[in-house]
């Protein structure tokens, strides 16, 4: 559970960085790294922002990965593979998603 303790701060820093436009001075790889907190967010609004920003970044592979994360949040509202460490109960649908390989 501690591995997720600073996620809120990372997302806030990412959003602030983007608001100021500082990502324009970064390489594609650096921009991808900057966007990771949004891709790993369980908030649907941040998932949508992740999709837009990865599309703007021009990397089809990363955009596809961001899309798969978005779909899980759109479907479940959370990442089911985190449930055990966060003390959350998994639904049968979530357990099927994990078994199908949705556990990044």
Protein backbone atom coordinates (compact mmCIF):
# COMPACT_ATOMS: atom_id res chain seq x y z
CA UNK A 1 0.00 0.00 0.00
CA UNK A 2 2.91 2.35 0.67
CA UNK A 3 3.86 2.24 -3.02
CA UNK A 4 0.72 4.29 -3.75
CA UNK A 5 1.17 6.77 -0.88
CA UNK A 6 2.63 9.56 -3.01
CA UNK A 7 0.48 9.06 -6.12
CA UNK A 8 -1.67 12.12 -5.34
CA UNK A 9 1.42 14.31 -5.13
CA UNK A 10 2.85 12.88 -8.37
CA UNK A 11 -0.40 13.57 -10.21
CA UNK A 12 -0.55 17.12 -8.85
CA UNK A 13 3.01 17.77 -9.98
CA UNK A 14 2.23 16.37 -13.43
CA UNK A 15 -0.90 18.50 -13.83
CA UNK A 16 1.00 21.61 -12.70
CA UNK A 17 3.83 20.87 -15.11
CA UNK A 18 1.33 20.49 -17.96
CA UNK A 19 -0.58 23.67 -17.01
CA UNK A 20 2.62 25.66 -17.22
CA UNK A 21 3.54 24.11 -20.58
CA UNK A 22 6.92 22.93 -19.33
CA UNK A 23 6.54 19.61 -21.15
CA UNK A 24 7.31 21.41 -24.43
CA UNK A 25 10.98 21.52 -23.47
CA UNK A 26 11.19 17.76 -22.90
CA UNK A 27 12.07 14.89 -25.20
CA UNK A 28 9.38 12.36 -26.15
CA UNK A 29 10.74 9.89 -23.60
CA UNK A 30 10.75 12.51 -20.86
CA UNK A 31 7.16 13.49 -21.70
CA UNK A 32 6.14 9.81 -21.50
CA UNK A 33 7.68 9.59 -18.04
CA UNK A 34 5.91 12.80 -17.00
CA UNK A 35 2.53 11.32 -18.01
CA UNK A 36 2.87 8.04 -16.11
CA UNK A 37 1.14 9.31 -12.93
CA UNK A 38 -1.94 10.13 -15.03
CA UNK A 39 -1.91 6.71 -16.71
CA UNK A 40 -1.78 5.06 -13.30
CA UNK A 41 -4.53 7.19 -11.77
CA UNK A 42 -7.83 5.62 -10.74
CA UNK A 43 -9.65 8.89 -11.52
CA UNK A 44 -11.46 8.78 -14.87
CA UNK A 45 -10.80 12.48 -15.58
CA UNK A 46 -7.07 11.92 -15.23
CA UNK A 47 -7.35 8.84 -17.43
CA UNK A 48 -8.97 10.98 -20.15
CA UNK A 49 -6.20 13.55 -19.80
CA UNK A 50 -3.65 10.74 -20.07
CA UNK A 51 -5.24 9.57 -23.34
CA UNK A 52 -5.16 13.07 -24.83
CA UNK A 53 -1.59 13.73 -23.77
CA UNK A 54 -0.25 10.37 -24.95
CA UNK A 55 -1.99 10.95 -28.31
CA UNK A 56 -0.32 14.36 -28.55
CA UNK A 57 3.03 12.76 -27.74
CA UNK A 58 2.84 10.78 -30.97
CA UNK A 59 3.78 7.31 -29.72
CA UNK A 60 1.19 4.77 -30.86
CA UNK A 61 2.53 2.04 -28.57
CA UNK A 62 2.30 4.14 -25.42
CA UNK A 63 -1.08 5.50 -26.51
CA UNK A 64 -2.35 1.92 -26.75
CA UNK A 65 -1.02 1.16 -23.30
CA UNK A 66 -2.71 4.30 -21.95
CA UNK A 67 -5.95 3.20 -23.65
CA UNK A 68 -5.85 -0.19 -21.90
CA UNK A 69 -5.43 1.54 -18.53
CA UNK A 70 -8.32 3.90 -19.34
CA UNK A 71 -10.58 0.99 -20.28
CA UNK A 72 -9.97 -0.73 -16.95
CA UNK A 73 -10.85 2.42 -15.00
CA UNK A 74 -13.88 3.07 -17.21
CA UNK A 75 -15.04 -0.50 -16.60
CA UNK A 76 -14.18 -0.96 -12.91
CA UNK A 77 -13.46 2.49 -11.50
CA UNK A 78 -10.16 1.17 -10.17
CA UNK A 79 -7.25 -1.12 -10.96
CA UNK A 80 -8.31 -4.53 -9.61
CA UNK A 81 -4.76 -5.82 -9.31
CA UNK A 82 -4.24 -3.27 -6.51
CA UNK A 83 -7.15 -4.56 -4.45
CA UNK A 84 -5.26 -7.08 -2.33
CA UNK A 85 -2.51 -4.68 -1.25
CA UNK A 86 -5.01 -1.90 -0.60
CA UNK A 87 -7.34 -4.13 1.42
CA UNK A 88 -10.16 -3.92 -1.12
CA UNK A 89 -12.44 -6.81 -2.02
CA UNK A 90 -12.44 -7.86 -5.68
CA UNK A 91 -15.61 -8.49 -7.61
CA UNK A 92 -15.90 -11.59 -9.80
CA UNK A 93 -15.55 -9.35 -12.88
CA UNK A 94 -12.35 -7.86 -11.48
CA UNK A 95 -10.91 -11.29 -10.76
CA UNK A 96 -11.65 -12.28 -14.37
CA UNK A 97 -9.91 -9.12 -15.62
CA UNK A 98 -6.82 -9.94 -13.57
CA UNK A 99 -6.83 -13.52 -14.81
CA UNK A 100 -7.10 -12.20 -18.38
CA UNK A 101 -3.83 -10.32 -17.93
CA UNK A 102 -4.98 -6.89 -16.82
CA UNK A 103 -2.40 -6.47 -14.08
CA UNK A 104 0.28 -4.09 -15.14
